[in-house]
C-alpha atoms as a PDB file:
ATOM      1  CA  MET A   1      28.664  -3.576 -12.952  1.00  0.00           C
ATOM      2  CA  LYS A   2      25.106  -4.853 -13.228  1.00  0.00           C
ATOM      3  CA  GLU A   3      22.429  -2.395 -14.274  1.00  0.00           C
ATOM      4  CA  MET A   4      19.555  -2.352 -11.791  1.00  0.00           C
ATOM      5  CA  ILE A   5      15.886  -1.458 -12.331  1.00  0.00           C
ATOM      6  CA  LEU A   6      12.774  -1.339 -10.148  1.00  0.00           C
ATOM      7  CA  CYS A   7      10.311  -4.212 -10.474  1.00  0.00           C
ATOM      8  CA  PRO A   8       7.036  -2.656 -11.722  1.00  0.00           C
ATOM      9  CA  ASN A   9       5.039  -5.133  -9.640  1.00  0.00           C
ATOM     10  CA  CYS A  10       6.620  -5.028  -6.149  1.00  0.00           C
ATOM     11  CA  GLY A  11       9.055  -2.119  -6.477  1.00  0.00           C
ATOM     12  CA  ALA A  12      12.146  -4.110  -5.468  1.00  0.00           C
ATOM     13  CA  GLU A  13      15.503  -3.311  -7.073  1.00  0.00           C
ATOM     14  CA  ILE A  14      16.445  -6.126  -9.467  1.00  0.00           C
ATOM     15  CA  ASP A  15      19.067  -6.932 -12.097  1.00  0.00           C
ATOM     16  CA  LYS A  16      17.899  -5.615 -15.473  1.00  0.00           C
ATOM     17  CA  ASP A  17      18.804  -8.920 -17.171  1.00  0.00           C
ATOM     18  CA  VAL A  18      16.929 -11.361 -14.885  1.00  0.00           C
ATOM     19  CA  ALA A  19      13.928 -13.127 -16.409  1.00  0.00           C
ATOM     20  CA  LYS A  20      11.830 -12.898 -13.225  1.00  0.00           C
ATOM     21  CA  CYS A  21      11.804 -10.692 -10.145  1.00  0.00           C
ATOM     22  CA  PRO A  22      13.353 -12.815  -7.339  1.00  0.00           C
ATOM     23  CA  TYR A  23      10.971 -11.229  -4.830  1.00  0.00           C
ATOM     24  CA  CYS A  24       7.533 -11.610  -6.460  1.00  0.00           C
ATOM     25  CA  ASP A  25       8.227 -13.732  -9.613  1.00  0.00           C
ATOM     26  CA  PHE A  26       6.930 -10.976 -11.903  1.00  0.00           C
ATOM     27  CA  ILE A  27       8.134 -11.509 -15.484  1.00  0.00           C
ATOM     28  CA  ASN A  28      10.791  -8.980 -16.546  1.00  0.00           C
ATOM     29  CA  ALA A  29      10.073  -8.939 -20.280  1.00  0.00           C
ATOM     30  CA  GLU A  30      13.394  -7.402 -21.291  1.00  0.00           C
ATOM     31  CA  GLY A  31      15.426  -9.817 -19.210  1.00  0.00           C
ATOM     32  CA  ALA A  32      13.303 -12.800 -20.236  1.00  0.00           C
ATOM     33  CA  GLU A  33      13.811 -11.933 -23.886  1.00  0.00           C
ATOM     34  CA  LYS A  34      17.587 -11.774 -23.382  1.00  0.00           C
ATOM     35  CA  GLN A  35      17.565 -15.182 -21.700  1.00  0.00           C
ATOM     36  CA  PHE A  36      15.479 -16.560 -24.549  1.00  0.00           C
ATOM     37  CA  GLN A  37      17.887 -15.113 -27.114  1.00  0.00           C
ATOM     38  CA  LYS A  38      20.794 -16.764 -25.291  1.00  0.00           C
ATOM     39  CA  LYS A  39      19.054 -20.134 -25.572  1.00  0.00           C
ATOM     40  CA  ILE A  40      18.454 -19.572 -29.267  1.00  0.00           C
ATOM     41  CA  SER A  41      22.103 -18.624 -29.776  1.00  0.00           C
ATOM     42  CA  LYS A  42      23.201 -21.807 -27.980  1.00  0.00           C
ATOM     43  CA  ILE A  43      21.032 -23.962 -30.244  1.00  0.00           C
ATOM     44  CA  ARG A  44      22.377 -22.187 -33.314  1.00  0.00           C
ATOM     45  CA  GLU A  45      25.926 -22.778 -32.110  1.00  0.00           C
ATOM     46  CA  ASP A  46      25.156 -26.465 -31.649  1.00  0.00           C
ATOM     47  CA  ILE A  47      23.793 -26.619 -35.185  1.00  0.00           C
ATOM     48  CA  GLU A  48      26.930 -24.927 -36.546  1.00  0.00           C
ATOM     49  CA  GLU A  49      29.142 -27.346 -34.629  1.00  0.00           C
ATOM     50  CA  THR A  50      27.277 -30.233 -36.204  1.00  0.00           C
ATOM     51  CA  LYS A  51      27.904 -28.781 -39.653  1.00  0.00           C
ATOM     52  CA  LYS A  52      31.652 -28.534 -38.879  1.00  0.00           C
ATOM     53  CA  GLU A  53      31.980 -32.259 -38.243  1.00  0.00           C
ATOM     54  CA  PRO A  54      31.850 -33.875 -41.703  1.00  0.00           C
ATOM     55  CA  SER A  55      33.420 -37.107 -40.480  1.00  0.00           C
ATOM     56  CA  ARG A  56      30.627 -37.725 -38.017  1.00  0.00           C
ATOM     57  CA  ALA A  57      28.076 -36.747 -40.625  1.00  0.00           C
ATOM     58  CA  LEU A  58      29.546 -39.264 -43.093  1.00  0.00           C
ATOM     59  CA  VAL A  59      29.365 -42.041 -40.510  1.00  0.00           C
ATOM     60  CA  LYS A  60      25.779 -41.282 -39.601  1.00  0.00           C
ATOM     61  CA  GLY A  61      24.817 -40.608 -43.191  1.00  0.00           C
ATOM     62  CA  PHE A  62      22.610 -37.944 -44.621  1.00  0.00           C
ATOM     63  CA  THR A  63      19.553 -39.132 -42.683  1.00  0.00           C
ATOM     64  CA  GLY A  64      21.294 -38.787 -39.341  1.00  0.00           C
ATOM     65  CA  GLY A  65      22.487 -35.266 -40.071  1.00  0.00           C
ATOM     66  CA  THR A  66      19.042 -34.206 -41.231  1.00  0.00           C
ATOM     67  CA  LYS A  67      17.502 -35.689 -38.102  1.00  0.00           C
ATOM     68  CA  VAL A  68      19.798 -33.625 -35.870  1.00  0.00           C
ATOM     69  CA  LEU A  69      18.902 -30.483 -37.786  1.00  0.00           C
ATOM     70  CA  LEU A  70      15.160 -31.183 -37.621  1.00  0.00           C
ATOM     71  CA  ILE A  71      15.287 -31.917 -33.895  1.00  0.00           C
ATOM     72  CA  SER A  72      17.193 -28.678 -33.286  1.00  0.00           C
ATOM     73  CA  VAL A  73      14.646 -26.664 -35.259  1.00  0.00           C
ATOM     74  CA  CYS A  74      11.760 -28.303 -33.379  1.00  0.00           C
ATOM     75  CA  VAL A  75      13.393 -27.521 -30.042  1.00  0.00           C
ATOM     76  CA  LEU A  76      13.880 -23.920 -31.156  1.00  0.00           C
ATOM     77  CA  VAL A  77      10.228 -23.562 -32.139  1.00  0.00           C
ATOM     78  CA  LEU A  78       9.081 -25.222 -28.891  1.00  0.00           C
ATOM     79  CA  LEU A  79      11.197 -22.907 -26.762  1.00  0.00           C
ATOM     80  CA  GLY A  80       9.777 -19.907 -28.569  1.00  0.00           C
ATOM     81  CA  ALA A  81       6.207 -21.080 -28.056  1.00  0.00           C
ATOM     82  CA  LEU A  82       6.788 -21.827 -24.367  1.00  0.00           C
ATOM     83  CA  PHE A  83       8.400 -18.441 -23.860  1.00  0.00           C
ATOM     84  CA  LEU A  84       5.472 -16.613 -25.447  1.00  0.00           C
ATOM     85  CA  LEU A  85       2.902 -18.639 -23.501  1.00  0.00           C
ATOM     86  CA  GLU A  86       4.673 -18.015 -20.198  1.00  0.00           C
ATOM     87  CA  LEU A  87       5.034 -14.318 -20.960  1.00  0.00           C
ATOM     88  CA  LEU A  88       1.328 -14.019 -21.791  1.00  0.00           C
ATOM     89  CA  ARG A  89       0.309 -15.980 -18.697  1.00  0.00           C
ATOM     90  CA  GLU A  90       2.478 -13.950 -16.340  1.00  0.00           C
ATOM     91  CA  THR A  91       1.636 -10.520 -17.717  1.00  0.00           C
ATOM     92  CA  LYS A  92      -2.034 -10.762 -18.706  1.00  0.00           C
ATOM     93  CA  ASP A  93      -3.275  -9.624 -15.278  1.00  0.00           C
ATOM     94  CA  LYS A  94      -0.299  -7.537 -14.161  1.00  0.00           C
ATOM     95  CA  PRO A  95       0.889  -3.963 -14.715  1.00  0.00           C
ATOM     96  CA  LYS A  96       2.371  -3.058 -18.073  1.00  0.00           C
ATOM     97  CA  LEU A  97       6.155  -2.910 -18.074  1.00  0.00           C
ATOM     98  CA  PHE A  98       6.596   0.007 -20.455  1.00  0.00           C
ATOM     99  CA  LEU A  99       4.339   3.047 -20.625  1.00  0.00           C
ATOM    100  CA  THR A 100       3.966   5.861 -23.099  1.00  0.00           C
ATOM    101  CA  ALA A 101       4.179   9.432 -21.793  1.00  0.00           C
ATOM    102  CA  GLU A 102       0.391   9.645 -21.795  1.00  0.00           C
ATOM    103  CA  GLU A 103       0.037   6.306 -19.991  1.00  0.00           C
ATOM    104  CA  GLN A 104       2.632   7.366 -17.408  1.00  0.00           C
ATOM    105  CA  GLU A 105       0.743  10.572 -16.717  1.00  0.00           C
ATOM    106  CA  TYR A 106      -2.438   8.555 -16.184  1.00  0.00           C
ATOM    107  CA  ALA A 107      -0.572   6.061 -13.962  1.00  0.00           C
ATOM    108  CA  ASP A 108       0.806   8.888 -11.793  1.00  0.00           C
ATOM    109  CA  ALA A 109      -2.672  10.370 -11.313  1.00  0.00           C
ATOM    110  CA  TYR A 110      -4.076   6.881 -10.606  1.00  0.00           C
ATOM    111  CA  THR A 111      -1.358   6.265  -7.993  1.00  0.00           C
ATOM    112  CA  ARG A 112      -2.133   9.551  -6.206  1.00  0.00           C
ATOM    113  CA  ILE A 113      -5.826   8.674  -5.980  1.00  0.00           C
ATOM    114  CA  ALA A 114      -5.082   5.108  -4.886  1.00  0.00           C
ATOM    115  CA  GLY A 115      -2.756   6.468  -2.189  1.00  0.00           C
ATOM    116  CA  GLU A 116      -5.497   8.728  -0.876  1.00  0.00           C
ATOM    117  CA  GLN A 117      -7.948   5.816  -0.840  1.00  0.00           C
ATOM    118  CA  LEU A 118      -5.457   3.522   0.920  1.00  0.00           C
ATOM    119  CA  THR A 119      -4.717   6.186   3.541  1.00  0.00           C
ATOM    120  CA  GLU A 120      -8.416   6.665   4.247  1.00  0.00           C
ATOM    121  CA  SER A 121      -9.074   2.918   4.379  1.00  0.00           C
ATOM    122  CA  TYR A 122      -6.095   2.281   6.665  1.00  0.00           C
ATOM    123  CA  ALA A 123      -7.315   4.937   9.094  1.00  0.00           C
ATOM    124  CA  ALA A 124     -10.678   3.166   9.147  1.00  0.00           C
ATOM    125  CA  GLY A 125      -9.037  -0.253   9.578  1.00  0.00           C
ATOM    126  CA  ASP A 126     -10.830  -1.474   6.445  1.00  0.00           C
ATOM    127  CA  ILE A 127      -8.661  -4.370   5.254  1.00  0.00           C
ATOM    128  CA  ALA A 128     -11.190  -5.568   2.677  1.00  0.00           C
ATOM    129  CA  ARG A 129     -11.294  -2.129   1.054  1.00  0.00           C
ATOM    130  CA  MET A 130      -7.502  -1.835   0.942  1.00  0.00           C
ATOM    131  CA  ALA A 131      -7.281  -5.257  -0.688  1.00  0.00           C
ATOM    132  CA  GLU A 132      -9.906  -4.189  -3.217  1.00  0.00           C
ATOM    133  CA  ILE A 133      -7.932  -1.029  -4.095  1.00  0.00           C
ATOM    134  CA  TYR A 134      -4.671  -2.959  -4.480  1.00  0.00           C
ATOM    135  CA  ASP A 135      -6.164  -5.806  -6.528  1.00  0.00           C
ATOM    136  CA  GLN A 136      -8.095  -3.400  -8.738  1.00  0.00           C
ATOM    137  CA  ALA A 137      -4.860  -1.599  -9.598  1.00  0.00           C
ATOM    138  CA  TYR A 138      -2.731  -4.662 -10.288  1.00  0.00           C
ATOM    139  CA  SER A 139      -5.098  -7.306 -11.587  1.00  0.00           C
ATOM    140  CA  VAL A 140      -7.803  -5.254 -13.324  1.00  0.00           C
ATOM    141  CA  ASP A 141      -6.408  -1.852 -14.308  1.00  0.00           C
ATOM    142  CA  ARG A 142      -2.851  -3.233 -14.537  1.00  0.00           C
ATOM    143  CA  ILE A 143      -1.196  -0.185 -12.984  1.00  0.00           C
ATOM    144  CA  SER A 144       1.683  -0.325 -10.519  1.00  0.00           C
ATOM    145  CA  ILE A 145       0.928   1.870  -7.499  1.00  0.00           C
ATOM    146  CA  TRP A 146       4.278   1.234  -5.848  1.00  0.00           C
ATOM    147  CA  GLY A 147       5.284   4.344  -3.933  1.00  0.00           C
ATOM    148  CA  ALA A 148       1.730   5.281  -2.970  1.00  0.00           C
ATOM    149  CA  PRO A 149       1.057   5.889   0.757  1.00  0.00           C
ATOM    150  CA  TYR A 150       0.254   2.597   2.528  1.00  0.00           C
ATOM    151  CA  TYR A 151       1.228   0.619  -0.564  1.00  0.00           C
ATOM    152  CA  GLU A 152       2.666  -2.204   1.551  1.00  0.00           C
ATOM    153  CA  ALA A 153      -0.442  -2.190   3.744  1.00  0.00           C
ATOM    154  CA  GLY A 154      -2.487  -2.594   0.561  1.00  0.00           C
ATOM    155  CA  TYR A 155      -0.434  -5.613  -0.467  1.00  0.00           C
ATOM    156  CA  ALA A 156      -0.696  -7.061   3.039  1.00  0.00           C
ATOM    157  CA  SER A 157      -4.477  -6.606   2.903  1.00  0.00           C
ATOM    158  CA  SER A 158      -4.591  -8.448  -0.414  1.00  0.00           C
ATOM    159  CA  CYS A 159      -2.514 -11.275   1.089  1.00  0.00           C
ATOM    160  CA  TYR A 160      -4.765 -11.455   4.142  1.00  0.00           C
ATOM    161  CA  MET A 161      -7.979 -11.671   2.091  1.00  0.00           C
ATOM    162  CA  LYS A 162      -6.473 -14.353  -0.154  1.00  0.00           C
ATOM    163  CA  LEU A 163      -5.361 -16.299   2.923  1.00  0.00           C
ATOM    164  CA  GLN A 164      -8.932 -16.269   4.245  1.00  0.00           C
ATOM    165  CA  GLN A 165     -10.115 -17.695   0.934  1.00  0.00           C
ATOM    166  CA  CYS A 166      -7.628 -20.563   0.867  1.00  0.00           C
ATOM    167  CA  LEU A 167      -7.590 -21.573   4.576  1.00  0.00           C
ATOM    168  CA  PRO A 168     -10.522 -24.010   4.083  1.00  0.00           C
ATOM    169  CA  ASP A 169      -8.130 -26.081   1.922  1.00  0.00           C
ATOM    170  CA  LEU A 170      -6.496 -27.215   5.175  1.00  0.00           C
ATOM    171  CA  ASP A 171      -9.701 -29.126   5.994  1.00  0.00           C
ATOM    172  CA  LYS A 172      -9.335 -31.362   2.945  1.00  0.00           C
ATOM    173  CA  ASP A 173      -8.249 -34.977   3.407  1.00  0.00           C
ATOM    174  CA  ARG A 174      -5.226 -34.211   1.247  1.00  0.00           C
ATOM    175  CA  ILE A 175      -4.134 -30.685   0.433  1.00  0.00           C
ATOM    176  CA  ALA A 176      -2.688 -30.061  -3.035  1.00  0.00           C
ATOM    177  CA  VAL A 177       0.828 -28.638  -3.369  1.00  0.00           C
ATOM    178  CA  PRO A 178      -0.270 -25.301  -4.935  1.00  0.00           C
ATOM    179  CA  GLU A 179      -2.805 -24.823  -2.146  1.00  0.00           C
ATOM    180  CA  ALA A 180      -0.244 -25.582   0.564  1.00  0.00           C
ATOM    181  CA  GLU A 181       2.303 -23.299  -1.100  1.00  0.00           C
ATOM    182  CA  GLU A 182      -0.140 -20.398  -1.189  1.00  0.00           C
ATOM    183  CA  ILE A 183      -1.141 -20.739   2.478  1.00  0.00           C
ATOM    184  CA  THR A 184       2.492 -21.091   3.544  1.00  0.00           C
ATOM    185  CA  TYR A 185       3.632 -17.960   1.730  1.00  0.00           C
ATOM    186  CA  TYR A 186       0.871 -15.775   3.170  1.00  0.00           C
ATOM    187  CA  CYS A 187       1.481 -17.073   6.699  1.00  0.00           C
ATOM    188  CA  PHE A 188       5.242 -16.527   6.393  1.00  0.00           C
ATOM    189  CA  TYR A 189       4.652 -13.032   5.006  1.00  0.00           C
ATOM    190  CA  PHE A 190       2.780 -12.073   8.170  1.00  0.00           C
ATOM    191  CA  TYR A 191       4.965 -14.026  10.580  1.00  0.00           C
ATOM    192  CA  TYR A 192       8.098 -12.186   9.475  1.00  0.00           C
ATOM    193  CA  ARG A 193       6.238  -8.856   9.467  1.00  0.00           C
ATOM    194  CA  ALA A 194       7.028  -8.225   5.798  1.00  0.00           C
ATOM    195  CA  TYR A 195       4.377  -5.494   5.855  1.00  0.00           C
ATOM    196  CA  GLY A 196       6.892  -3.355   7.768  1.00  0.00           C
ATOM    197  CA  ASP A 197       6.339  -0.606  10.294  1.00  0.00           C
ATOM    198  CA  GLU A 198       3.789   1.084   8.028  1.00  0.00           C
ATOM    199  CA  GLY A 199       1.290  -1.722   8.559  1.00  0.00           C
ATOM    200  CA  ALA A 200       2.279  -2.688  12.100  1.00  0.00           C
ATOM    201  CA  GLU A 201      -0.618  -1.027  13.873  1.00  0.00           C
ATOM    202  CA  LEU A 202      -3.179  -2.925  11.840  1.00  0.00           C
ATOM    203  CA  PHE A 203      -1.436  -6.237  11.129  1.00  0.00           C
ATOM    204  CA  ASP A 204       0.612  -6.954  14.258  1.00  0.00           C
ATOM    205  CA  PRO A 205      -2.543  -7.938  16.227  1.00  0.00           C
ATOM    206  CA  ILE A 206      -3.635 -10.164  13.313  1.00  0.00           C
ATOM    207  CA  ARG A 207      -0.190 -11.774  13.300  1.00  0.00           C
ATOM    208  CA  GLU A 208      -0.443 -12.597  17.004  1.00  0.00           C
ATOM    209  CA  LYS A 209      -4.097 -13.675  17.176  1.00  0.00           C
ATOM    210  CA  GLU A 210      -4.599 -15.383  13.804  1.00  0.00           C
ATOM    211  CA  ILE A 211      -1.356 -16.185  12.002  1.00  0.00           C
ATOM    212  CA  LEU A 212       0.713 -17.670  14.836  1.00  0.00           C
ATOM    213  CA  PRO A 213      -2.010 -20.228  15.788  1.00  0.00           C
ATOM    214  CA  ILE A 214      -2.233 -21.315  12.133  1.00  0.00           C
ATOM    215  CA  ILE A 215       1.540 -21.728  11.833  1.00  0.00           C
ATOM    216  CA  THR A 216       2.010 -23.617  15.102  1.00  0.00           C
ATOM    217  CA  GLY A 217      -1.290 -25.509  14.925  1.00  0.00           C
ATOM    218  CA  ARG A 218      -2.409 -26.231  11.376  1.00  0.00           C
ATOM    219  CA  LEU A 219       1.023 -26.122   9.695  1.00  0.00           C
ATOM    220  CA  GLY A 220       2.897 -27.683  12.607  1.00  0.00           C
ATOM    221  CA  PHE A 221       5.895 -25.327  12.746  1.00  0.00           C
ATOM    222  CA  THR A 222       7.431 -24.285  16.054  1.00  0.00           C
ATOM    223  CA  GLU A 223       8.845 -20.818  16.661  1.00  0.00           C
ATOM    224  CA  GLU A 224      12.304 -22.443  16.532  1.00  0.00           C
ATOM    225  CA  ASP A 225      11.435 -23.805  13.075  1.00  0.00           C
ATOM    226  CA  MET A 226      10.377 -20.358  11.920  1.00  0.00           C
ATOM    227  CA  GLU A 227      13.623 -18.802  13.100  1.00  0.00           C
ATOM    228  CA  SER A 228      15.603 -21.481  11.278  1.00  0.00           C
ATOM    229  CA  PHE A 229      13.668 -20.666   8.094  1.00  0.00           C
ATOM    230  CA  ARG A 230      14.373 -16.933   8.341  1.00  0.00           C
ATOM    231  CA  GLU A 231      17.686 -16.883   6.461  1.00  0.00           C
ATOM    232  CA  LYS A 232      16.378 -19.337   3.867  1.00  0.00           C
ATOM    233  CA  VAL A 233      13.265 -17.410   2.852  1.00  0.00           C
ATOM    234  CA  PHE A 234      14.499 -13.819   2.892  1.00  0.00           C
ATOM    235  CA  ASP A 235      15.949 -12.138  -0.162  1.00  0.00           C
ATOM    236  CA  GLY A 236      17.232  -8.819   1.097  1.00  0.00           C
ATOM    237  CA  THR A 237      14.393  -7.339   3.130  1.00  0.00           C
ATOM    238  CA  ASN A 238      11.608  -9.270   1.392  1.00  0.00           C
ATOM    239  CA  VAL A 239      10.093 -12.702   1.960  1.00  0.00           C
ATOM    240  CA  ASN A 240      10.715 -14.481  -1.347  1.00  0.00           C
ATOM    241  CA  ARG A 241       7.847 -16.738  -2.388  1.00  0.00           C
ATOM    242  CA  SER A 242      10.046 -19.174  -4.332  1.00  0.00           C
ATOM    243  CA  ARG A 243      12.407 -19.524  -1.383  1.00  0.00           C
ATOM    244  CA  VAL A 244       9.513 -20.171   0.988  1.00  0.00           C
ATOM    245  CA  TYR A 245       8.360 -22.999  -1.269  1.00  0.00           C
ATOM    246  CA  LYS A 246      11.819 -24.569  -1.514  1.00  0.00           C
ATOM    247  CA  ALA A 247      12.339 -24.408   2.251  1.00  0.00           C
ATOM    248  CA  THR A 248       8.940 -25.803   3.255  1.00  0.00           C
ATOM    249  CA  LYS A 249       7.624 -28.095   0.488  1.00  0.00           C
ATOM    250  CA  LYS A 250       8.714 -31.279   2.262  1.00  0.00           C
ATOM    251  CA  TYR A 251       6.474 -30.345   5.196  1.00  0.00           C
ATOM    252  CA  PHE A 252       3.261 -29.878   3.197  1.00  0.00           C
ATOM    253  CA  LYS A 253       2.179 -33.455   3.899  1.00  0.00           C
ATOM    254  CA  ASN A 254       2.001 -32.625   7.623  1.00  0.00           C
ATOM    255  CA  TYR A 255      -0.531 -29.802   7.211  1.00  0.00           C
ATOM    256  CA  HIS A 256      -3.968 -30.410   8.676  1.00  0.00           C
END
């Protein structure tokens, strides 16, 4: 039976051994390290198999055998470097995966305060402030506030503010793939009401008045299209960003 853990970034339940959270693509350091070790073991096995084939080595000669060994070592070093670079890139602006007792105590107090601030901001309908609270926690202070009151509303606010920043990209003569992917994910997040009942009062009107016209107008999807995408982009109860990209990337050229 697979051992499950909670993603420290989005709070979803994930397999302990996966390299990335399937819901938000957050790097799971422990799982990523296990995957990396498996790749290393495979390369080592290949090297050992090469050593066990003296007849082939004799045919190729000493130079050929040495070349295979050198290539294998280079691949091993390259994989290690790529793994470290990816890990640093993915985690530099995100919450720490493992906390000391003192850090956990601080994180708990931080989460309580953030929850109070999110509750107050939600009551005031202050989306910009909720986005600021959420982004400050995750990107600056690197603390997961999952479980705080109006956590999902905070994430939705962050998505909404980011969407406002990237919408002008639709006015370009040719929109780049990363730009189209970002706009698509945020629009799908709101279309499928991924913010849940907690954020419905604030974000349902935005969905109807702002998001639907973008989807049907600027992106060119019909409501029938969106319903056909539903099963493709959901992973459990969450809209999966990677699945959204895979399902919609061929349509990016039609955006305007």
